[in-house]
Amino acid sequence: MMDLLYFVLASWGITQIIVYGSVFESTRVRVEKKSNWFGALFRCPMCTGFWVGAFLFGINGFTELFNYEYNVANSFILSCLASATSYALNTIIGDDGIKIVHISEQGRSR
């Protein structure tokens, strides 16, 4: 169970750094200028989370934090898990802590 927690937290952390970290801002801008599609990938926590999950799965044999059997099914499932949790945690937690959005009676965010 701890393997899964470590995997999810590592994927979320790496995704946050790639998508929002100032250290990668110039890289994101350069990539976006060359390819609109590929550039959008680096601005989307769901998309980046998937590929971060695939990367972490690929290197899982080199770490003691988590250890999963190498097969296509595990790779796909863990990549999807990394994508979903990176997106969900990004939606819930921001730079100032937990995000709270109030919905007015008309259904619009304030």
Protein backbone atom coordinates (compact mmCIF):
# COMPACT_ATOMS: atom_id res chain seq x y z
CA MET A 1 0.00 0.00 0.00
CA MET A 2 2.85 2.39 0.79
CA ASP A 3 4.29 1.67 -2.69
CA LEU A 4 1.15 3.12 -4.21
CA LEU A 5 1.21 6.20 -1.97
CA TYR A 6 4.86 6.88 -2.81
CA PHE A 7 4.16 6.41 -6.52
CA VAL A 8 1.19 8.81 -6.47
CA LEU A 9 3.01 11.48 -4.44
CA ALA A 10 6.14 11.25 -6.58
CA SER A 11 4.14 11.52 -9.80
CA TRP A 12 2.17 14.50 -8.47
CA GLY A 13 5.32 16.27 -7.29
CA ILE A 14 7.19 15.77 -10.56
CA THR A 15 4.11 16.80 -12.55
CA GLN A 16 3.75 20.00 -10.50
CA ILE A 17 7.39 20.89 -11.11
CA ILE A 18 7.17 20.28 -14.86
CA VAL A 19 3.82 22.05 -15.38
CA TYR A 20 4.15 24.96 -12.93
CA GLY A 21 7.79 25.23 -11.87
CA SER A 22 9.56 28.42 -12.88
CA VAL A 23 12.70 26.39 -13.62
CA PHE A 24 10.89 24.87 -16.65
CA GLU A 25 9.12 28.03 -17.86
CA SER A 26 11.59 28.81 -20.66
CA THR A 27 11.49 25.16 -21.78
CA ARG A 28 7.68 25.20 -21.86
CA VAL A 29 7.67 28.41 -23.91
CA ARG A 30 10.26 27.07 -26.38
CA VAL A 31 8.43 23.78 -26.84
CA GLU A 32 5.09 25.58 -27.27
CA LYS A 33 6.55 27.78 -30.01
CA LYS A 34 7.81 24.74 -31.93
CA SER A 35 4.72 22.58 -31.51
CA ASN A 36 1.37 23.81 -30.24
CA TRP A 37 0.24 20.25 -29.43
CA PHE A 38 3.44 19.24 -27.66
CA GLY A 39 3.60 22.58 -25.87
CA ALA A 40 0.07 22.10 -24.56
CA LEU A 41 1.18 18.75 -23.15
CA PHE A 42 3.57 20.56 -20.79
CA ARG A 43 0.83 22.88 -19.54
CA CYS A 44 -1.67 20.12 -18.72
CA PRO A 45 -1.26 18.29 -15.37
CA MET A 46 -3.41 15.41 -16.62
CA CYS A 47 -1.33 14.89 -19.78
CA THR A 48 2.02 15.42 -18.11
CA GLY A 49 0.93 13.21 -15.19
CA PHE A 50 0.37 10.30 -17.57
CA TRP A 51 3.87 10.52 -19.02
CA VAL A 52 5.42 11.09 -15.59
CA GLY A 53 3.65 7.91 -14.44
CA ALA A 54 5.03 6.01 -17.43
CA PHE A 55 8.52 7.34 -16.65
CA LEU A 56 8.28 6.40 -12.96
CA PHE A 57 7.03 2.94 -13.87
CA GLY A 58 10.00 2.58 -16.23
CA ILE A 59 12.50 3.39 -13.50
CA ASN A 60 10.75 1.57 -10.67
CA GLY A 61 13.40 -1.16 -10.68
CA PHE A 62 16.00 1.46 -9.72
CA THR A 63 14.24 2.69 -6.57
CA GLU A 64 13.24 1.20 -3.26
CA LEU A 65 10.22 3.49 -2.88
CA PHE A 66 7.96 1.35 -5.05
CA ASN A 67 8.37 -1.87 -6.98
CA TYR A 68 5.95 -3.10 -9.62
CA GLU A 69 6.27 -6.01 -12.01
CA TYR A 70 7.24 -4.85 -15.50
CA ASN A 71 4.35 -5.53 -17.88
CA VAL A 72 2.16 -3.52 -20.24
CA ALA A 73 -0.93 -3.66 -18.02
CA ASN A 74 0.89 -2.27 -14.97
CA SER A 75 2.48 0.43 -17.09
CA PHE A 76 -0.84 1.60 -18.50
CA ILE A 77 -2.74 1.41 -15.21
CA LEU A 78 -0.07 3.23 -13.21
CA SER A 79 0.26 5.90 -15.91
CA CYS A 80 -3.50 6.47 -15.80
CA LEU A 81 -3.41 6.55 -12.00
CA ALA A 82 -0.63 9.13 -12.06
CA SER A 83 -2.61 11.22 -14.54
CA ALA A 84 -5.83 11.10 -12.53
CA THR A 85 -4.25 11.81 -9.16
CA SER A 86 -2.02 14.58 -10.52
CA TYR A 87 -5.06 16.27 -12.02
CA ALA A 88 -7.24 15.73 -8.94
CA LEU A 89 -4.61 16.95 -6.48
CA ASN A 90 -3.87 19.93 -8.73
CA THR A 91 -7.59 20.77 -8.74
CA ILE A 92 -7.85 20.51 -4.95
CA ILE A 93 -4.53 22.00 -3.81
CA GLY A 94 -2.98 25.23 -5.08
CA ASP A 95 -0.11 27.52 -4.10
CA ASP A 96 -2.18 28.97 -1.25
CA GLY A 97 -3.43 25.64 0.11
CA ILE A 98 -6.77 23.95 -0.42
CA LYS A 99 -8.79 25.64 -3.17
CA ILE A 100 -12.29 26.67 -2.19
CA VAL A 101 -14.66 27.74 -4.95
CA HIS A 102 -18.04 29.20 -4.04
CA ILE A 103 -20.91 28.55 -6.43
CA SER A 104 -23.56 31.26 -6.59
CA GLU A 105 -27.24 30.51 -6.96
CA GLN A 106 -26.97 30.90 -10.75
CA GLY A 107 -24.31 28.18 -10.82
CA ARG A 108 -21.39 30.46 -11.68
CA SER A 109 -18.11 30.54 -9.80
CA ARG A 110 -17.30 33.74 -7.94
